[in-house]
C-alpha atoms as a PDB file:
ATOM      1  CA  MET A   1     112.746 -14.529 -66.178  1.00  0.00           C
ATOM      2  CA  THR A   2     115.200 -17.306 -65.362  1.00  0.00           C
ATOM      3  CA  ILE A   3     115.670 -20.209 -67.740  1.00  0.00           C
ATOM      4  CA  GLY A   4     114.145 -22.572 -65.172  1.00  0.00           C
ATOM      5  CA  LYS A   5     110.955 -20.529 -65.012  1.00  0.00           C
ATOM      6  CA  ARG A   6     110.934 -20.218 -68.824  1.00  0.00           C
ATOM      7  CA  ILE A   7     111.160 -24.006 -69.191  1.00  0.00           C
ATOM      8  CA  LYS A   8     108.283 -24.512 -66.740  1.00  0.00           C
ATOM      9  CA  GLU A   9     106.171 -21.821 -68.401  1.00  0.00           C
ATOM     10  CA  GLU A  10     106.645 -23.267 -71.901  1.00  0.00           C
ATOM     11  CA  ARG A  11     106.053 -26.822 -70.657  1.00  0.00           C
ATOM     12  CA  LEU A  12     102.772 -25.857 -68.989  1.00  0.00           C
ATOM     13  CA  ALA A  13     101.718 -23.877 -72.071  1.00  0.00           C
ATOM     14  CA  LYS A  14     102.121 -27.060 -74.121  1.00  0.00           C
ATOM     15  CA  LYS A  15     100.382 -29.048 -71.359  1.00  0.00           C
ATOM     16  CA  TRP A  16     103.315 -31.425 -70.998  1.00  0.00           C
ATOM     17  CA  THR A  17     104.217 -33.185 -67.808  1.00  0.00           C
ATOM     18  CA  GLN A  18     107.777 -33.152 -66.574  1.00  0.00           C
ATOM     19  CA  GLU A  19     108.012 -36.779 -67.609  1.00  0.00           C
ATOM     20  CA  GLN A  20     106.892 -35.989 -71.176  1.00  0.00           C
ATOM     21  CA  LEU A  21     109.395 -33.148 -71.510  1.00  0.00           C
ATOM     22  CA  ALA A  22     112.121 -35.376 -70.084  1.00  0.00           C
ATOM     23  CA  VAL A  23     111.452 -38.018 -72.746  1.00  0.00           C
ATOM     24  CA  LYS A  24     111.619 -35.422 -75.525  1.00  0.00           C
ATOM     25  CA  LEU A  25     114.965 -34.128 -74.222  1.00  0.00           C
ATOM     26  CA  ASN A  26     116.321 -37.594 -73.390  1.00  0.00           C
ATOM     27  CA  VAL A  27     116.848 -36.773 -69.710  1.00  0.00           C
ATOM     28  CA  SER A  28     115.247 -37.929 -66.462  1.00  0.00           C
ATOM     29  CA  ARG A  29     112.123 -36.371 -64.915  1.00  0.00           C
ATOM     30  CA  SER A  30     114.141 -35.378 -61.842  1.00  0.00           C
ATOM     31  CA  THR A  31     116.535 -33.467 -64.103  1.00  0.00           C
ATOM     32  CA  VAL A  32     113.667 -31.418 -65.543  1.00  0.00           C
ATOM     33  CA  SER A  33     112.411 -30.808 -62.006  1.00  0.00           C
ATOM     34  CA  SER A  34     115.852 -29.578 -60.890  1.00  0.00           C
ATOM     35  CA  TRP A  35     115.890 -27.085 -63.793  1.00  0.00           C
ATOM     36  CA  GLU A  36     112.479 -25.706 -62.953  1.00  0.00           C
ATOM     37  CA  VAL A  37     113.281 -25.199 -59.262  1.00  0.00           C
ATOM     38  CA  GLU A  38     116.645 -23.737 -60.324  1.00  0.00           C
ATOM     39  CA  ARG A  39     118.688 -26.285 -58.418  1.00  0.00           C
ATOM     40  CA  ASN A  40     120.944 -26.592 -61.467  1.00  0.00           C
ATOM     41  CA  TYR A  41     121.015 -25.681 -65.137  1.00  0.00           C
ATOM     42  CA  PRO A  42     120.881 -27.650 -68.401  1.00  0.00           C
ATOM     43  CA  ASP A  43     124.117 -27.973 -70.339  1.00  0.00           C
ATOM     44  CA  LEU A  44     124.669 -26.049 -73.561  1.00  0.00           C
ATOM     45  CA  GLU A  45     123.676 -28.944 -75.820  1.00  0.00           C
ATOM     46  CA  THR A  46     120.389 -29.366 -73.935  1.00  0.00           C
ATOM     47  CA  ILE A  47     119.736 -25.609 -74.003  1.00  0.00           C
ATOM     48  CA  ILE A  48     119.956 -25.758 -77.815  1.00  0.00           C
ATOM     49  CA  ALA A  49     117.495 -28.696 -77.831  1.00  0.00           C
ATOM     50  CA  ILE A  50     115.125 -26.753 -75.535  1.00  0.00           C
ATOM     51  CA  SER A  51     115.393 -23.736 -77.839  1.00  0.00           C
ATOM     52  CA  ASP A  52     114.381 -25.849 -80.853  1.00  0.00           C
ATOM     53  CA  LEU A  53     111.630 -27.659 -78.940  1.00  0.00           C
ATOM     54  CA  PHE A  54     109.946 -24.499 -77.654  1.00  0.00           C
ATOM     55  CA  GLY A  55     110.629 -22.407 -80.744  1.00  0.00           C
ATOM     56  CA  GLN A  56     112.575 -19.923 -78.661  1.00  0.00           C
ATOM     57  CA  SER A  57     115.818 -18.327 -79.786  1.00  0.00           C
ATOM     58  CA  LEU A  58     118.934 -18.935 -77.703  1.00  0.00           C
ATOM     59  CA  ASP A  59     119.107 -15.207 -77.163  1.00  0.00           C
ATOM     60  CA  GLN A  60     115.631 -15.229 -75.575  1.00  0.00           C
ATOM     61  CA  LEU A  61     116.486 -18.155 -73.315  1.00  0.00           C
ATOM     62  CA  LEU A  62     119.861 -16.906 -72.161  1.00  0.00           C
ATOM     63  CA  ARG A  63     119.586 -13.130 -72.117  1.00  0.00           C
ATOM     64  CA  GLU A  64     116.879 -13.181 -69.431  1.00  0.00           C
ATOM     65  CA  ASP A  65     118.998 -15.269 -67.042  1.00  0.00           C
ATOM     66  CA  PRO A  66     122.333 -13.469 -66.474  1.00  0.00           C
ATOM     67  CA  GLU A  67     123.003 -15.521 -63.332  1.00  0.00           C
ATOM     68  CA  MET A  68     123.003 -18.735 -65.339  1.00  0.00           C
ATOM     69  CA  ILE A  69     125.326 -17.206 -67.940  1.00  0.00           C
ATOM     70  CA  THR A  70     127.725 -16.163 -65.151  1.00  0.00           C
ATOM     71  CA  LYS A  71     127.688 -19.654 -63.631  1.00  0.00           C
ATOM     72  CA  LYS A  72     128.148 -21.295 -67.017  1.00  0.00           C
ATOM     73  CA  ASP A  73     131.052 -18.970 -67.802  1.00  0.00           C
ATOM     74  CA  ARG A  74     132.636 -19.778 -64.435  1.00  0.00           C
ATOM     75  CA  LYS A  75     132.140 -23.493 -65.065  1.00  0.00           C
ATOM     76  CA  VAL A  76     133.812 -23.252 -68.479  1.00  0.00           C
ATOM     77  CA  LYS A  77     136.765 -21.398 -66.948  1.00  0.00           C
ATOM     78  CA  ASN A  78     137.054 -23.957 -64.160  1.00  0.00           C
ATOM     79  CA  GLU A  79     136.966 -26.777 -66.700  1.00  0.00           C
ATOM     80  CA  LYS A  80     139.760 -25.111 -68.667  1.00  0.00           C
ATOM     81  CA  ILE A  81     141.857 -24.832 -65.505  1.00  0.00           C
ATOM     82  CA  TYR A  82     141.054 -28.453 -64.634  1.00  0.00           C
ATOM     83  CA  PHE A  83     142.104 -29.765 -68.027  1.00  0.00           C
ATOM     84  CA  ARG A  84     145.257 -27.653 -68.006  1.00  0.00           C
ATOM     85  CA  LEU A  85     146.172 -29.053 -64.598  1.00  0.00           C
ATOM     86  CA  LEU A  86     145.334 -32.531 -65.817  1.00  0.00           C
ATOM     87  CA  GLY A  87     147.608 -32.009 -68.815  1.00  0.00           C
ATOM     88  CA  LEU A  88     150.399 -30.721 -66.578  1.00  0.00           C
ATOM     89  CA  ILE A  89     150.063 -33.748 -64.301  1.00  0.00           C
ATOM     90  CA  GLY A  90     150.161 -35.989 -67.376  1.00  0.00           C
ATOM     91  CA  ILE A  91     153.359 -34.333 -68.608  1.00  0.00           C
ATOM     92  CA  CYS A  92     154.969 -34.692 -65.159  1.00  0.00           C
ATOM     93  CA  PHE A  93     153.950 -38.354 -65.080  1.00  0.00           C
ATOM     94  CA  LEU A  94     155.466 -38.982 -68.516  1.00  0.00           C
ATOM     95  CA  ILE A  95     158.689 -37.250 -67.430  1.00  0.00           C
ATOM     96  CA  PHE A  96     158.795 -39.433 -64.305  1.00  0.00           C
ATOM     97  CA  ILE A  97     158.203 -42.622 -66.317  1.00  0.00           C
ATOM     98  CA  GLY A  98     160.821 -41.563 -68.868  1.00  0.00           C
ATOM     99  CA  ASN A  99     163.323 -40.851 -66.104  1.00  0.00           C
ATOM    100  CA  TYR A 100     162.468 -44.199 -64.488  1.00  0.00           C
ATOM    101  CA  VAL A 101     163.078 -46.124 -67.722  1.00  0.00           C
ATOM    102  CA  ILE A 102     166.349 -44.258 -68.379  1.00  0.00           C
ATOM    103  CA  LYS A 103     167.563 -44.968 -64.830  1.00  0.00           C
ATOM    104  CA  ILE A 104     166.796 -48.678 -65.194  1.00  0.00           C
ATOM    105  CA  ALA A 105     168.737 -48.864 -68.467  1.00  0.00           C
ATOM    106  CA  GLU A 106     171.680 -46.828 -67.142  1.00  0.00           C
ATOM    107  CA  ASN A 107     171.873 -48.713 -63.839  1.00  0.00           C
ATOM    108  CA  SER A 108     171.852 -52.012 -65.710  1.00  0.00           C
ATOM    109  CA  HIS A 109     174.718 -50.754 -67.897  1.00  0.00           C
ATOM    110  CA  TYR A 110     176.672 -49.491 -64.880  1.00  0.00           C
ATOM    111  CA  GLN A 111     176.157 -52.794 -63.050  1.00  0.00           C
ATOM    112  CA  GLU A 112     177.616 -54.694 -66.004  1.00  0.00           C
ATOM    113  CA  ASN A 113     180.675 -52.419 -66.042  1.00  0.00           C
ATOM    114  CA  LEU A 114     181.155 -52.810 -62.283  1.00  0.00           C
ATOM    115  CA  LYS A 115     180.934 -56.585 -62.571  1.00  0.00           C
ATOM    116  CA  ASP A 116     183.405 -56.677 -65.475  1.00  0.00           C
ATOM    117  CA  ALA A 117     185.864 -54.485 -63.504  1.00  0.00           C
ATOM    118  CA  GLY A 118     185.850 -56.863 -60.542  1.00  0.00           C
ATOM    119  CA  TRP A 119     183.657 -54.903 -58.122  1.00  0.00           C
ATOM    120  CA  THR A 120     181.797 -56.990 -55.524  1.00  0.00           C
ATOM    121  CA  LYS A 121     178.158 -56.229 -54.788  1.00  0.00           C
ATOM    122  CA  ILE A 122     177.164 -55.942 -51.124  1.00  0.00           C
ATOM    123  CA  GLN A 123     173.464 -55.119 -50.711  1.00  0.00           C
ATOM    124  CA  ASP A 124     172.940 -51.852 -52.637  1.00  0.00           C
ATOM    125  CA  ALA A 125     176.610 -50.966 -53.000  1.00  0.00           C
ATOM    126  CA  TYR A 126     179.728 -52.210 -54.794  1.00  0.00           C
ATOM    127  CA  ILE A 127     183.212 -52.478 -53.291  1.00  0.00           C
ATOM    128  CA  LEU A 128     186.652 -52.854 -54.805  1.00  0.00           C
ATOM    129  CA  GLU A 129     190.087 -53.277 -53.197  1.00  0.00           C
ATOM    130  CA  GLU A 130     192.908 -52.268 -55.483  1.00  0.00           C
ATOM    131  CA  ASP A 131     196.531 -51.806 -54.388  1.00  0.00           C
ATOM    132  CA  ASP A 132     196.402 -49.550 -51.320  1.00  0.00           C
ATOM    133  CA  ARG A 133     192.957 -48.150 -52.128  1.00  0.00           C
ATOM    134  CA  TYR A 134     189.466 -49.167 -51.108  1.00  0.00           C
ATOM    135  CA  TYR A 135     186.467 -48.067 -53.211  1.00  0.00           C
ATOM    136  CA  TRP A 136     182.765 -47.990 -52.550  1.00  0.00           C
ATOM    137  CA  ALA A 137     180.226 -47.186 -55.311  1.00  0.00           C
ATOM    138  CA  THR A 138     176.505 -46.530 -55.044  1.00  0.00           C
ATOM    139  CA  LEU A 139     174.165 -46.087 -58.000  1.00  0.00           C
ATOM    140  CA  PRO A 140     171.260 -43.619 -57.846  1.00  0.00           C
ATOM    141  CA  PRO A 141     167.944 -45.256 -56.853  1.00  0.00           C
ATOM    142  CA  VAL A 142     165.651 -45.986 -59.787  1.00  0.00           C
ATOM    143  CA  GLY A 143     162.899 -43.357 -59.877  1.00  0.00           C
ATOM    144  CA  SER A 144     164.994 -40.738 -58.101  1.00  0.00           C
ATOM    145  CA  PHE A 145     165.501 -37.310 -59.611  1.00  0.00           C
ATOM    146  CA  GLN A 146     169.258 -37.416 -59.353  1.00  0.00           C
ATOM    147  CA  PRO A 147     171.060 -36.415 -62.578  1.00  0.00           C
ATOM    148  CA  ASN A 148     171.147 -39.344 -64.991  1.00  0.00           C
ATOM    149  CA  ASP A 149     174.958 -39.527 -64.879  1.00  0.00           C
ATOM    150  CA  SER A 150     175.251 -39.354 -61.073  1.00  0.00           C
ATOM    151  CA  ILE A 151     177.166 -42.021 -59.168  1.00  0.00           C
ATOM    152  CA  ALA A 152     178.260 -41.821 -55.527  1.00  0.00           C
ATOM    153  CA  LEU A 153     181.814 -43.011 -54.966  1.00  0.00           C
ATOM    154  CA  LEU A 154     184.093 -43.317 -51.957  1.00  0.00           C
ATOM    155  CA  ALA A 155     187.853 -43.842 -52.061  1.00  0.00           C
ATOM    156  CA  ALA A 156     189.856 -44.604 -48.907  1.00  0.00           C
ATOM    157  CA  THR A 157     193.617 -44.804 -48.573  1.00  0.00           C
ATOM    158  CA  ASN A 158     193.316 -47.213 -45.645  1.00  0.00           C
ATOM    159  CA  PRO A 159     190.555 -49.858 -45.717  1.00  0.00           C
ATOM    160  CA  GLU A 160     191.023 -50.465 -41.988  1.00  0.00           C
ATOM    161  CA  ASP A 161     190.599 -46.839 -40.953  1.00  0.00           C
ATOM    162  CA  TYR A 162     188.395 -44.618 -43.164  1.00  0.00           C
ATOM    163  CA  SER A 163     189.183 -41.544 -41.067  1.00  0.00           C
ATOM    164  CA  GLU A 164     192.834 -41.574 -42.205  1.00  0.00           C
ATOM    165  CA  CYS A 165     191.909 -40.108 -45.588  1.00  0.00           C
ATOM    166  CA  THR A 166     188.639 -40.715 -47.407  1.00  0.00           C
ATOM    167  CA  LEU A 167     187.298 -38.907 -50.460  1.00  0.00           C
ATOM    168  CA  GLN A 168     183.578 -38.951 -51.262  1.00  0.00           C
ATOM    169  CA  LEU A 169     181.961 -38.070 -54.585  1.00  0.00           C
ATOM    170  CA  GLU A 170     178.292 -37.439 -53.825  1.00  0.00           C
ATOM    171  CA  PHE A 171     175.314 -37.886 -56.163  1.00  0.00           C
ATOM    172  CA  ASP A 172     175.313 -34.124 -56.743  1.00  0.00           C
ATOM    173  CA  GLN A 173     178.988 -34.503 -57.792  1.00  0.00           C
ATOM    174  CA  SER A 174     180.320 -32.495 -54.843  1.00  0.00           C
ATOM    175  CA  LEU A 175     183.547 -33.702 -53.235  1.00  0.00           C
ATOM    176  CA  GLY A 176     183.958 -34.301 -49.528  1.00  0.00           C
ATOM    177  CA  LEU A 177     187.284 -35.114 -47.854  1.00  0.00           C
ATOM    178  CA  SER A 178     187.527 -36.786 -44.438  1.00  0.00           C
ATOM    179  CA  PHE A 179     190.905 -36.965 -42.726  1.00  0.00           C
ATOM    180  CA  THR A 180     192.641 -37.071 -39.372  1.00  0.00           C
ATOM    181  CA  THR A 181     195.634 -34.922 -38.558  1.00  0.00           C
ATOM    182  CA  THR A 182     197.507 -33.958 -35.391  1.00  0.00           C
ATOM    183  CA  ASP A 183     198.292 -30.646 -33.774  1.00  0.00           C
ATOM    184  CA  GLU A 184     201.561 -29.436 -32.236  1.00  0.00           C
ATOM    185  CA  MET A 185     200.896 -31.613 -29.180  1.00  0.00           C
ATOM    186  CA  ASP A 186     200.250 -34.691 -31.333  1.00  0.00           C
ATOM    187  CA  LEU A 187     196.554 -34.639 -30.463  1.00  0.00           C
ATOM    188  CA  PRO A 188     194.377 -36.113 -33.249  1.00  0.00           C
ATOM    189  CA  HIS A 189     191.760 -33.974 -34.979  1.00  0.00           C
ATOM    190  CA  SER A 190     189.245 -35.340 -37.481  1.00  0.00           C
ATOM    191  CA  PHE A 191     187.749 -33.122 -40.151  1.00  0.00           C
ATOM    192  CA  PHE A 192     185.304 -33.308 -43.035  1.00  0.00           C
ATOM    193  CA  VAL A 193     185.629 -30.585 -45.671  1.00  0.00           C
ATOM    194  CA  THR A 194     184.252 -29.965 -49.130  1.00  0.00           C
ATOM    195  CA  ILE A 195     186.791 -29.362 -51.867  1.00  0.00           C
ATOM    196  CA  ASP A 196     186.857 -28.730 -55.591  1.00  0.00           C
ATOM    197  CA  GLU A 197     188.530 -30.836 -58.276  1.00  0.00           C
ATOM    198  CA  LYS A 198     191.836 -29.031 -57.607  1.00  0.00           C
ATOM    199  CA  GLY A 199     191.776 -29.875 -53.901  1.00  0.00           C
ATOM    200  CA  GLN A 200     190.896 -26.337 -52.805  1.00  0.00           C
ATOM    201  CA  LEU A 201     188.493 -25.690 -49.931  1.00  0.00           C
ATOM    202  CA  THR A 202     184.936 -24.731 -50.829  1.00  0.00           C
ATOM    203  CA  GLY A 203     182.027 -23.761 -48.598  1.00  0.00           C
ATOM    204  CA  ASP A 204     181.761 -21.667 -45.457  1.00  0.00           C
ATOM    205  CA  TYR A 205     184.060 -22.557 -42.554  1.00  0.00           C
ATOM    206  CA  SER A 206     183.535 -19.414 -40.495  1.00  0.00           C
ATOM    207  CA  ILE A 207     182.359 -21.490 -37.527  1.00  0.00           C
ATOM    208  CA  TRP A 208     185.809 -23.072 -37.196  1.00  0.00           C
ATOM    209  CA  SER A 209     188.561 -21.581 -35.140  1.00  0.00           C
ATOM    210  CA  SER A 210     191.718 -20.179 -36.679  1.00  0.00           C
ATOM    211  CA  GLU A 211     193.671 -23.095 -35.158  1.00  0.00           C
ATOM    212  CA  GLU A 212     191.381 -25.599 -36.867  1.00  0.00           C
ATOM    213  CA  LEU A 213     191.611 -23.805 -40.207  1.00  0.00           C
ATOM    214  CA  THR A 214     195.382 -23.785 -39.885  1.00  0.00           C
ATOM    215  CA  LEU A 215     195.387 -27.566 -39.311  1.00  0.00           C
ATOM    216  CA  ILE A 216     193.130 -28.099 -42.337  1.00  0.00           C
ATOM    217  CA  ASN A 217     195.145 -25.876 -44.671  1.00  0.00           C
ATOM    218  CA  ASP A 218     198.430 -27.380 -43.475  1.00  0.00           C
ATOM    219  CA  TYR A 219     197.083 -30.876 -44.138  1.00  0.00           C
ATOM    220  CA  LEU A 220     195.876 -29.979 -47.636  1.00  0.00           C
ATOM    221  CA  THR A 221     199.216 -28.299 -48.421  1.00  0.00           C
ATOM    222  CA  ASP A 222     201.356 -31.125 -47.066  1.00  0.00           C
ATOM    223  CA  ASN A 223     199.239 -33.787 -48.775  1.00  0.00           C
ATOM    224  CA  GLN A 224     198.370 -31.897 -51.943  1.00  0.00           C
ATOM    225  CA  HIS A 225     199.792 -34.553 -54.240  1.00  0.00           C
ATOM    226  CA  ALA A 226     198.076 -37.451 -52.425  1.00  0.00           C
ATOM    227  CA  VAL A 227     194.709 -35.650 -52.308  1.00  0.00           C
ATOM    228  CA  GLN A 228     194.929 -34.764 -56.013  1.00  0.00           C
ATOM    229  CA  GLU A 229     195.702 -38.403 -56.802  1.00  0.00           C
ATOM    230  CA  LEU A 230     192.559 -39.434 -54.920  1.00  0.00           C
ATOM    231  CA  ILE A 231     190.478 -36.850 -56.819  1.00  0.00           C
ATOM    232  CA  ASP A 232     191.824 -37.943 -60.216  1.00  0.00           C
ATOM    233  CA  ASP A 233     191.413 -41.579 -59.229  1.00  0.00           C
ATOM    234  CA  ILE A 234     187.797 -41.274 -58.159  1.00  0.00           C
ATOM    235  CA  PHE A 235     186.797 -39.497 -61.389  1.00  0.00           C
ATOM    236  CA  THR A 236     188.663 -42.132 -63.399  1.00  0.00           C
ATOM    237  CA  LYS A 237     186.664 -44.831 -61.621  1.00  0.00           C
ATOM    238  CA  LYS A 238     183.455 -42.973 -62.398  1.00  0.00           C
ATOM    239  CA  GLN A 239     184.342 -42.782 -66.100  1.00  0.00           C
ATOM    240  CA  GLN A 240     185.130 -46.507 -66.138  1.00  0.00           C
ATOM    241  CA  ILE A 241     181.762 -47.341 -64.595  1.00  0.00           C
ATOM    242  CA  GLN A 242     179.939 -45.120 -67.101  1.00  0.00           C
ATOM    243  CA  ALA A 243     181.939 -46.254 -70.134  1.00  0.00           C
ATOM    244  CA  SER A 244     179.736 -47.263 -73.055  1.00  0.00           C
END
């Protein structure tokens, strides 16, 4: 016999109305009705109260209704999953808020260093002209998941023509070099390549022709000292911005 039928049977045996039973269990009449027609089941605390009220053991009430036990077990498992997911979301939210607060503090510190070093703010970026170099710095957006120490920097050897030789330090700390060189017929060729901190090519350039690779390697060889100066310079600028 299902627990709904057992509740109805015991209620009728005691000549109680649904309303009277509802008052004794501190629930609504419609709730009692939904139990008896097996639309839903009482919770565990109410099942204990029903057991005491009817003088029936929990074993008697539950053993005869395996379907209810299965549904209750599934509900408990689903609740565990729900609360675990809720906890995971809470942890992710706290990590996001923590990262947000850290970024605000770090960006404020970096902005002070940029201002003290003579950088000029233009919208979301900072620029600096120094000797024959032109610099452009961008701080990571607050709330982004960029590494906490990431700063994007650009250094150009000619402020009037960025294509002449420009080094970029991206937020992910990769280095990109843009430059223009000429071939044997003095025709200009512009390239953008990724390099390491020693000025060596990185990445896959298999799509380029052998002539193009020759131009790139010749440029890097002929301008090794100048490119290395740019690399050292851009990391020096980064350290100055991040100085405590």
